[in-house]
Amino acid sequence: YTTAKCVTVTVGDKFTDIYRDGGVRVLLVVEI
């Protein structure tokens, strides 16, 4: 899916929180 700001999210992408110390969580996109 491509957002209104032209950023594409794909199943399998990984993200982490900016404000958590040391990037504690990694979020794996499993479905859109």
Full PDB file with SEQRES, HELIX, SHEET, SSBOND, CRYST1, ORIGX, SCALE, CONECT and MASTER records, all heavy atoms in Angstrom:
SEQRES   1 A   32  TYR THR THR ALA LYS CYS VAL THR VAL THR VAL GLY ASP          
SEQRES   2 A   32  LYS PHE THR ASP ILE TYR ARG ASP GLY GLY VAL ARG VAL          
SEQRES   3 A   32  LEU LEU VAL VAL GLU ILE                                      
SHEET    1 AA1 2 LYS A  14  THR A  16  0                                        
SHEET    2 AA1 2 VAL A  26  LEU A  28 -1                                        
CRYST1    1.000    1.000    1.000  90.00  90.00  90.00 P 1           1          
ORIGX1      1.000000  0.000000  0.000000        0.00000                         
ORIGX2      0.000000  1.000000  0.000000        0.00000                         
ORIGX3      0.000000  0.000000  1.000000        0.00000                         
SCALE1      1.000000  0.000000  0.000000        0.00000                         
SCALE2      0.000000  1.000000  0.000000        0.00000                         
SCALE3      0.000000  0.000000  1.000000        0.00000                         
ATOM      1  N   TYR A   1       0.868  -1.185   0.000  1.00  0.00           N  
ATOM      2  CA  TYR A   1       0.000   0.000   0.000  1.00  0.00           C  
ATOM      3  C   TYR A   1       0.897   1.225   0.000  1.00  0.00           C  
ATOM      4  O   TYR A   1       1.916   1.266   0.712  1.00  0.00           O  
ATOM      5  CB  TYR A   1      -0.898   0.006   1.245  1.00  0.00           C  
ATOM      6  CG  TYR A   1      -1.709   1.270   1.386  1.00  0.00           C  
ATOM      7  CD1 TYR A   1      -2.819   1.488   0.585  1.00  0.00           C  
ATOM      8  CD2 TYR A   1      -1.355   2.251   2.299  1.00  0.00           C  
ATOM      9  CE1 TYR A   1      -3.559   2.652   0.697  1.00  0.00           C  
ATOM     10  CE2 TYR A   1      -2.091   3.415   2.422  1.00  0.00           C  
ATOM     11  CZ  TYR A   1      -3.194   3.611   1.616  1.00  0.00           C  
ATOM     12  OH  TYR A   1      -3.916   4.774   1.724  1.00  0.00           O  
ATOM     13  N   THR A   2       0.533   2.232  -0.784  1.00  0.00           N  
ATOM     14  CA  THR A   2       1.269   3.491  -0.821  1.00  0.00           C  
ATOM     15  C   THR A   2       0.428   4.568  -0.165  1.00  0.00           C  
ATOM     16  O   THR A   2      -0.718   4.788  -0.552  1.00  0.00           O  
ATOM     17  CB  THR A   2       1.606   3.890  -2.273  1.00  0.00           C  
ATOM     18  OG1 THR A   2       2.350   2.816  -2.870  1.00  0.00           O  
ATOM     19  CG2 THR A   2       2.430   5.155  -2.312  1.00  0.00           C  
ATOM     20  N   THR A   3       0.999   5.235   0.842  1.00  0.00           N  
ATOM     21  CA  THR A   3       0.284   6.260   1.600  1.00  0.00           C  
ATOM     22  C   THR A   3       0.156   7.541   0.782  1.00  0.00           C  
ATOM     23  O   THR A   3       0.753   7.675  -0.285  1.00  0.00           O  
ATOM     24  CB  THR A   3       1.019   6.590   2.913  1.00  0.00           C  
ATOM     25  OG1 THR A   3       2.275   7.202   2.597  1.00  0.00           O  
ATOM     26  CG2 THR A   3       1.228   5.349   3.757  1.00  0.00           C  
ATOM     27  N   ALA A   4      -0.596   8.506   1.317  1.00  0.00           N  
ATOM     28  CA  ALA A   4      -0.771   9.802   0.659  1.00  0.00           C  
ATOM     29  C   ALA A   4       0.556  10.550   0.527  1.00  0.00           C  
ATOM     30  O   ALA A   4       0.718  11.378  -0.357  1.00  0.00           O  
ATOM     31  CB  ALA A   4      -1.773  10.651   1.442  1.00  0.00           C  
ATOM     32  N   LYS A   5       1.522  10.234   1.382  1.00  0.00           N  
ATOM     33  CA  LYS A   5       2.850  10.868   1.318  1.00  0.00           C  
ATOM     34  C   LYS A   5       3.825  10.047   0.486  1.00  0.00           C  
ATOM     35  O   LYS A   5       5.038  10.228   0.568  1.00  0.00           O  
ATOM     36  CB  LYS A   5       3.395  11.084   2.723  1.00  0.00           C  
ATOM     37  CG  LYS A   5       2.575  12.104   3.484  1.00  0.00           C  
ATOM     38  CD  LYS A   5       3.211  12.459   4.797  1.00  0.00           C  
ATOM     39  CE  LYS A   5       2.372  13.533   5.475  1.00  0.00           C  
ATOM     40  NZ  LYS A   5       2.942  13.970   6.733  1.00  0.00           N  
ATOM     41  N   CYS A   6       3.290   9.123  -0.319  1.00  0.00           N  
ATOM     42  CA  CYS A   6       4.060   8.315  -1.276  1.00  0.00           C  
ATOM     43  C   CYS A   6       5.084   7.400  -0.613  1.00  0.00           C  
ATOM     44  O   CYS A   6       6.169   7.174  -1.151  1.00  0.00           O  
ATOM     45  CB  CYS A   6       4.730   9.210  -2.311  1.00  0.00           C  
ATOM     46  SG  CYS A   6       3.549  10.119  -3.313  1.00  0.00           S  
ATOM     47  N   VAL A   7       4.749   6.870   0.548  1.00  0.00           N  
ATOM     48  CA  VAL A   7       5.588   5.874   1.215  1.00  0.00           C  
ATOM     49  C   VAL A   7       4.877   4.532   1.075  1.00  0.00           C  
ATOM     50  O   VAL A   7       3.706   4.411   1.409  1.00  0.00           O  
ATOM     51  CB  VAL A   7       5.798   6.220   2.710  1.00  0.00           C  
ATOM     52  CG1 VAL A   7       6.655   5.172   3.383  1.00  0.00           C  
ATOM     53  CG2 VAL A   7       6.416   7.601   2.856  1.00  0.00           C  
ATOM     54  N   THR A   8       5.594   3.550   0.577  1.00  0.00           N  
ATOM     55  CA  THR A   8       5.002   2.231   0.342  1.00  0.00           C  
ATOM     56  C   THR A   8       5.306   1.288   1.501  1.00  0.00           C  
ATOM     57  O   THR A   8       6.448   1.200   1.951  1.00  0.00           O  
ATOM     58  CB  THR A   8       5.526   1.635  -0.973  1.00  0.00           C  
ATOM     59  OG1 THR A   8       5.192   2.523  -2.039  1.00  0.00           O  
ATOM     60  CG2 THR A   8       4.918   0.270  -1.239  1.00  0.00           C  
ATOM     61  N   VAL A   9       4.270   0.604   1.961  1.00  0.00           N  
ATOM     62  CA  VAL A   9       4.395  -0.432   2.984  1.00  0.00           C  
ATOM     63  C   VAL A   9       4.108  -1.758   2.292  1.00  0.00           C  
ATOM     64  O   VAL A   9       3.121  -1.872   1.562  1.00  0.00           O  
ATOM     65  CB  VAL A   9       3.370  -0.213   4.129  1.00  0.00           C  
ATOM     66  CG1 VAL A   9       3.483  -1.315   5.158  1.00  0.00           C  
ATOM     67  CG2 VAL A   9       3.543   1.141   4.755  1.00  0.00           C  
ATOM     68  N   THR A  10       4.956  -2.746   2.523  1.00  0.00           N  
ATOM     69  CA  THR A  10       4.807  -4.054   1.900  1.00  0.00           C  
ATOM     70  C   THR A  10       4.783  -5.127   2.987  1.00  0.00           C  
ATOM     71  O   THR A  10       5.449  -4.972   4.013  1.00  0.00           O  
ATOM     72  CB  THR A  10       5.989  -4.316   0.941  1.00  0.00           C  
ATOM     73  OG1 THR A  10       6.062  -3.231   0.014  1.00  0.00           O  
ATOM     74  CG2 THR A  10       5.821  -5.609   0.181  1.00  0.00           C  
ATOM     75  N   VAL A  11       4.028  -6.181   2.752  1.00  0.00           N  
ATOM     76  CA  VAL A  11       4.032  -7.312   3.682  1.00  0.00           C  
ATOM     77  C   VAL A  11       5.469  -7.805   3.805  1.00  0.00           C  
ATOM     78  O   VAL A  11       6.162  -7.983   2.805  1.00  0.00           O  
ATOM     79  CB  VAL A  11       3.102  -8.443   3.181  1.00  0.00           C  
ATOM     80  CG1 VAL A  11       3.266  -9.688   4.028  1.00  0.00           C  
ATOM     81  CG2 VAL A  11       1.657  -7.975   3.188  1.00  0.00           C  
ATOM     82  N   GLY A  12       5.932  -7.979   5.039  1.00  0.00           N  
ATOM     83  CA  GLY A  12       7.301  -8.403   5.295  1.00  0.00           C  
ATOM     84  C   GLY A  12       8.217  -7.271   5.726  1.00  0.00           C  
ATOM     85  O   GLY A  12       9.321  -7.514   6.209  1.00  0.00           O  
ATOM     86  N   ASP A  13       7.786  -6.006   5.541  1.00  0.00           N  
ATOM     87  CA  ASP A  13       8.582  -4.864   6.003  1.00  0.00           C  
ATOM     88  C   ASP A  13       8.692  -4.881   7.513  1.00  0.00           C  
ATOM     89  O   ASP A  13       7.791  -5.345   8.211  1.00  0.00           O  
ATOM     90  CB  ASP A  13       7.946  -3.531   5.582  1.00  0.00           C  
ATOM     91  CG  ASP A  13       8.138  -3.205   4.120  1.00  0.00           C  
ATOM     92  OD1 ASP A  13       8.899  -3.927   3.441  1.00  0.00           O  
ATOM     93  OD2 ASP A  13       7.526  -2.228   3.657  1.00  0.00           O  
ATOM     94  N   LYS A  14       9.800  -4.346   8.028  1.00  0.00           N  
ATOM     95  CA  LYS A  14      10.014  -4.249   9.470  1.00  0.00           C  
ATOM     96  C   LYS A  14      10.220  -2.790   9.855  1.00  0.00           C  
ATOM     97  O   LYS A  14      10.891  -2.048   9.142  1.00  0.00           O  
ATOM     98  CB  LYS A  14      11.238  -5.054   9.892  1.00  0.00           C  
ATOM     99  CG  LYS A  14      11.104  -6.531   9.678  1.00  0.00           C  
ATOM    100  CD  LYS A  14      12.380  -7.227  10.085  1.00  0.00           C  
ATOM    101  CE  LYS A  14      12.358  -8.685   9.681  1.00  0.00           C  
ATOM    102  NZ  LYS A  14      13.660  -9.311   9.909  1.00  0.00           N  
ATOM    103  N   PHE A  15       9.635  -2.412  10.991  1.00  0.00           N  
ATOM    104  CA  PHE A  15       9.762  -1.059  11.525  1.00  0.00           C  
ATOM    105  C   PHE A  15      10.121  -1.153  13.004  1.00  0.00           C  
ATOM    106  O   PHE A  15       9.839  -2.158  13.650  1.00  0.00           O  
ATOM    107  CB  PHE A  15       8.440  -0.295  11.381  1.00  0.00           C  
ATOM    108  CG  PHE A  15       8.054  -0.009   9.966  1.00  0.00           C  
ATOM    109  CD1 PHE A  15       7.366  -0.944   9.212  1.00  0.00           C  
ATOM    110  CD2 PHE A  15       8.383   1.196   9.367  1.00  0.00           C  
ATOM    111  CE1 PHE A  15       7.004  -0.690   7.901  1.00  0.00           C  
ATOM    112  CE2 PHE A  15       8.025   1.461   8.061  1.00  0.00           C  
ATOM    113  CZ  PHE A  15       7.339   0.516   7.323  1.00  0.00           C  
ATOM    114  N   THR A  16      10.722  -0.080  13.527  1.00  0.00           N  
ATOM    115  CA  THR A  16      11.012  -0.013  14.958  1.00  0.00           C  
ATOM    116  C   THR A  16      10.568   1.342  15.495  1.00  0.00           C  
ATOM    117  O   THR A  16      10.474   2.315  14.738  1.00  0.00           O  
ATOM    118  CB  THR A  16      12.504  -0.273  15.249  1.00  0.00           C  
ATOM    119  OG1 THR A  16      12.673  -0.405  16.662  1.00  0.00           O  
ATOM    120  CG2 THR A  16      13.383   0.865  14.769  1.00  0.00           C  
ATOM    121  N   ASP A  17      10.286   1.409  16.784  1.00  0.00           N  
ATOM    122  CA  ASP A  17       9.872   2.651  17.428  1.00  0.00           C  
ATOM    123  C   ASP A  17      11.056   3.607  17.524  1.00  0.00           C  
ATOM    124  O   ASP A  17      12.152   3.197  17.895  1.00  0.00           O  
ATOM    125  CB  ASP A  17       9.372   2.378  18.851  1.00  0.00           C  
ATOM    126  CG  ASP A  17       8.205   1.425  18.876  1.00  0.00           C  
ATOM    127  OD1 ASP A  17       7.109   1.862  18.541  1.00  0.00           O  
ATOM    128  OD2 ASP A  17       8.420   0.254  19.232  1.00  0.00           O  
ATOM    129  N   ILE A  18      10.828   4.874  17.246  1.00  0.00           N  
ATOM    130  CA  ILE A  18      11.870   5.893  17.349  1.00  0.00           C  
ATOM    131  C   ILE A  18      12.187   6.193  18.812  1.00  0.00           C  
ATOM    132  O   ILE A  18      13.338   6.340  19.186  1.00  0.00           O  
ATOM    133  CB  ILE A  18      11.433   7.192  16.632  1.00  0.00           C  
ATOM    134  CG1 ILE A  18      11.294   6.947  15.133  1.00  0.00           C  
ATOM    135  CG2 ILE A  18      12.384   8.334  16.924  1.00  0.00           C  
ATOM    136  CD1 ILE A  18      12.574   6.653  14.411  1.00  0.00           C  
ATOM    137  N   TYR A  19      11.172   6.276  19.654  1.00  0.00           N  
ATOM    138  CA  TYR A  19      11.354   6.756  21.018  1.00  0.00           C  
ATOM    139  C   TYR A  19      11.619   5.674  22.056  1.00  0.00           C  
ATOM    140  O   TYR A  19      11.708   5.965  23.228  1.00  0.00           O  
ATOM    141  CB  TYR A  19      10.147   7.593  21.441  1.00  0.00           C  
ATOM    142  CG  TYR A  19      10.064   8.862  20.640  1.00  0.00           C  
ATOM    143  CD1 TYR A  19       9.070   9.035  19.686  1.00  0.00           C  
ATOM    144  CD2 TYR A  19      10.997   9.866  20.800  1.00  0.00           C  
ATOM    145  CE1 TYR A  19       9.011  10.184  18.931  1.00  0.00           C  
ATOM    146  CE2 TYR A  19      10.942  11.024  20.049  1.00  0.00           C  
ATOM    147  CZ  TYR A  19       9.949  11.179  19.115  1.00  0.00           C  
ATOM    148  OH  TYR A  19       9.885  12.316  18.368  1.00  0.00           O  
ATOM    149  N   ARG A  20      11.764   4.441  21.656  1.00  0.00           N  
ATOM    150  CA  ARG A  20      12.111   3.387  22.619  1.00  0.00           C  
ATOM    151  C   ARG A  20      13.627   3.237  22.631  1.00  0.00           C  
ATOM    152  O   ARG A  20      14.256   3.190  21.591  1.00  0.00           O  
ATOM    153  CB  ARG A  20      11.455   2.061  22.252  1.00  0.00           C  
ATOM    154  CG  ARG A  20       9.970   2.099  22.457  1.00  0.00           C  
ATOM    155  CD  ARG A  20       9.420   0.700  22.347  1.00  0.00           C  
ATOM    156  NE  ARG A  20       7.985   0.736  22.438  1.00  0.00           N  
ATOM    157  CZ  ARG A  20       7.297   0.114  23.367  1.00  0.00           C  
ATOM    158  NH1 ARG A  20       7.899  -0.599  24.280  1.00  0.00           N  
ATOM    159  NH2 ARG A  20       5.992   0.180  23.381  1.00  0.00           N  
ATOM    160  N   ASP A  21      14.199   3.133  23.808  1.00  0.00           N  
ATOM    161  CA  ASP A  21      15.648   2.995  23.933  1.00  0.00           C  
ATOM    162  C   ASP A  21      16.135   1.720  23.253  1.00  0.00           C  
ATOM    163  O   ASP A  21      15.649   0.627  23.526  1.00  0.00           O  
ATOM    164  CB  ASP A  21      16.062   2.972  25.411  1.00  0.00           C  
ATOM    165  CG  ASP A  21      15.781   4.301  26.094  1.00  0.00           C  
ATOM    166  OD1 ASP A  21      15.797   5.329  25.392  1.00  0.00           O  
ATOM    167  OD2 ASP A  21      15.552   4.299  27.308  1.00  0.00           O  
ATOM    168  N   GLY A  22      17.108   1.883  22.382  1.00  0.00           N  
ATOM    169  CA  GLY A  22      17.722   0.721  21.748  1.00  0.00           C  
ATOM    170  C   GLY A  22      16.862  -0.002  20.733  1.00  0.00           C  
ATOM    171  O   GLY A  22      17.180  -1.109  20.339  1.00  0.00           O  
ATOM    172  N   GLY A  23      15.773   0.612  20.270  1.00  0.00           N  
ATOM    173  CA  GLY A  23      14.917  -0.048  19.293  1.00  0.00           C  
ATOM    174  C   GLY A  23      14.410  -1.379  19.812  1.00  0.00           C  
ATOM    175  O   GLY A  23      14.582  -2.416  19.188  1.00  0.00           O  
ATOM    176  N   VAL A  24      13.797  -1.357  20.971  1.00  0.00           N  
ATOM    177  CA  VAL A  24      13.374  -2.569  21.666  1.00  0.00           C  
ATOM    178  C   VAL A  24      12.447  -3.427  20.815  1.00  0.00           C  
ATOM    179  O   VAL A  24      12.624  -4.624  20.720  1.00  0.00           O  
ATOM    180  CB  VAL A  24      12.697  -2.208  23.007  1.00  0.00           C  
ATOM    181  CG1 VAL A  24      12.121  -3.432  23.676  1.00  0.00           C  
ATOM    182  CG2 VAL A  24      13.669  -1.499  23.912  1.00  0.00           C  
ATOM    183  N   ARG A  25      11.441  -2.811  20.196  1.00  0.00           N  
ATOM    184  CA  ARG A  25      10.471  -3.591  19.412  1.00  0.00           C  
ATOM    185  C   ARG A  25      10.776  -3.499  17.928  1.00  0.00           C  
ATOM    186  O   ARG A  25      11.124  -2.449  17.422  1.00  0.00           O  
ATOM    187  CB  ARG A  25       9.050  -3.044  19.611  1.00  0.00           C  
ATOM    188  CG  ARG A  25       8.513  -3.147  20.965  1.00  0.00           C  
ATOM    189  CD  ARG A  25       7.042  -2.825  21.039  1.00  0.00           C  
ATOM    190  NE  ARG A  25       6.636  -1.673  20.258  1.00  0.00           N  
ATOM    191  CZ  ARG A  25       5.368  -1.357  20.003  1.00  0.00           C  
ATOM    192  NH1 ARG A  25       4.397  -2.095  20.491  1.00  0.00           N  
ATOM    193  NH2 ARG A  25       5.062  -0.304  19.297  1.00  0.00           N  
ATOM    194  N   VAL A  26      10.609  -4.607  17.248  1.00  0.00           N  
ATOM    195  CA  VAL A  26      10.622  -4.615  15.786  1.00  0.00           C  
ATOM    196  C   VAL A  26       9.253  -5.099  15.357  1.00  0.00           C  
ATOM    197  O   VAL A  26       8.786  -6.149  15.795  1.00  0.00           O  
ATOM    198  CB  VAL A  26      11.735  -5.521  15.222  1.00  0.00           C  
ATOM    199  CG1 VAL A  26      11.628  -5.619  13.712  1.00  0.00           C  
ATOM    200  CG2 VAL A  26      13.101  -4.990  15.620  1.00  0.00           C  
ATOM    201  N   LEU A  27       8.588  -4.313  14.512  1.00  0.00           N  
ATOM    202  CA  LEU A  27       7.239  -4.618  14.047  1.00  0.00           C  
ATOM    203  C   LEU A  27       7.322  -5.191  12.641  1.00  0.00           C  
ATOM    204  O   LEU A  27       7.833  -4.550  11.735  1.00  0.00           O  
ATOM    205  CB  LEU A  27       6.380  -3.349  14.046  1.00  0.00           C  
ATOM    206  CG  LEU A  27       6.432  -2.490  15.312  1.00  0.00           C  
ATOM    207  CD1 LEU A  27       5.580  -1.251  15.130  1.00  0.00           C  
ATOM    208  CD2 LEU A  27       6.005  -3.277  16.514  1.00  0.00           C  
ATOM    209  N   LEU A  28       6.815  -6.391  12.455  1.00  0.00           N  
ATOM    210  CA  LEU A  28       6.810  -7.064  11.161  1.00  0.00           C  
ATOM    211  C   LEU A  28       5.417  -6.962  10.561  1.00  0.00           C  
ATOM    212  O   LEU A  28       4.438  -7.390  11.178  1.00  0.00           O  
ATOM    213  CB  LEU A  28       7.196  -8.536  11.328  1.00  0.00           C  
ATOM    214  CG  LEU A  28       7.068  -9.422  10.090  1.00  0.00           C  
ATOM    215  CD1 LEU A  28       8.097  -9.004   9.036  1.00  0.00           C  
ATOM    216  CD2 LEU A  28       7.233 -10.878  10.458  1.00  0.00           C  
ATOM    217  N   VAL A  29       5.308  -6.376   9.368  1.00  0.00           N  
ATOM    218  CA  VAL A  29       4.023  -6.250   8.682  1.00  0.00           C  
ATOM    219  C   VAL A  29       3.613  -7.632   8.185  1.00  0.00           C  
ATOM    220  O   VAL A  29       4.344  -8.258   7.409  1.00  0.00           O  
ATOM    221  CB  VAL A  29       4.114  -5.250   7.507  1.00  0.00           C  
ATOM    222  CG1 VAL A  29       2.803  -5.204   6.733  1.00  0.00           C  
ATOM    223  CG2 VAL A  29       4.498  -3.863   8.012  1.00  0.00           C  
ATOM    224  N   VAL A  30       2.453  -8.121   8.645  1.00  0.00           N  
ATOM    225  CA  VAL A  30       2.003  -9.458   8.250  1.00  0.00           C  
ATOM    226  C   VAL A  30       0.821  -9.432   7.282  1.00  0.00           C  
ATOM    227  O   VAL A  30       0.591 -10.398   6.567  1.00  0.00           O  
ATOM    228  CB  VAL A  30       1.654 -10.335   9.481  1.00  0.00           C  
ATOM    229  CG1 VAL A  30       2.894 -10.626  10.296  1.00  0.00           C  
ATOM    230  CG2 VAL A  30       0.587  -9.710  10.332  1.00  0.00           C  
ATOM    231  N   GLU A  31       0.077  -8.327   7.264  1.00  0.00           N  
ATOM    232  CA  GLU A  31      -1.069  -8.234   6.358  1.00  0.00           C  
ATOM    233  C   GLU A  31      -1.443  -6.770   6.178  1.00  0.00           C  
ATOM    234  O   GLU A  31      -1.281  -5.962   7.082  1.00  0.00           O  
ATOM    235  CB  GLU A  31      -2.252  -8.995   6.937  1.00  0.00           C  
ATOM    236  CG  GLU A  31      -3.431  -9.128   6.007  1.00  0.00           C  
ATOM    237  CD  GLU A  31      -4.548  -9.979   6.596  1.00  0.00           C  
ATOM    238  OE1 GLU A  31      -4.275 -10.815   7.476  1.00  0.00           O  
ATOM    239  OE2 GLU A  31      -5.685  -9.784   6.166  1.00  0.00           O  
ATOM    240  N   ILE A  32      -1.968  -6.452   5.001  1.00  0.00           N  
ATOM    241  CA  ILE A  32      -2.437  -5.100   4.703  1.00  0.00           C  
ATOM    242  C   ILE A  32      -3.887  -5.211   4.245  1.00  0.00           C  
ATOM    243  O   ILE A  32      -4.192  -5.956   3.317  1.00  0.00           O  
ATOM    244  CB  ILE A  32      -1.571  -4.434   3.624  1.00  0.00           C  
ATOM    245  CG1 ILE A  32      -0.113  -4.345   4.112  1.00  0.00           C  
ATOM    246  CG2 ILE A  32      -2.115  -3.055   3.278  1.00  0.00           C  
ATOM    247  CD1 ILE A  32       0.866  -3.882   3.074  1.00  0.00           C  
TER     248      ILE A  32                                                      
MASTER        0    0    0    0    2    0    0    6  247    1    0    3          
END                                                                             
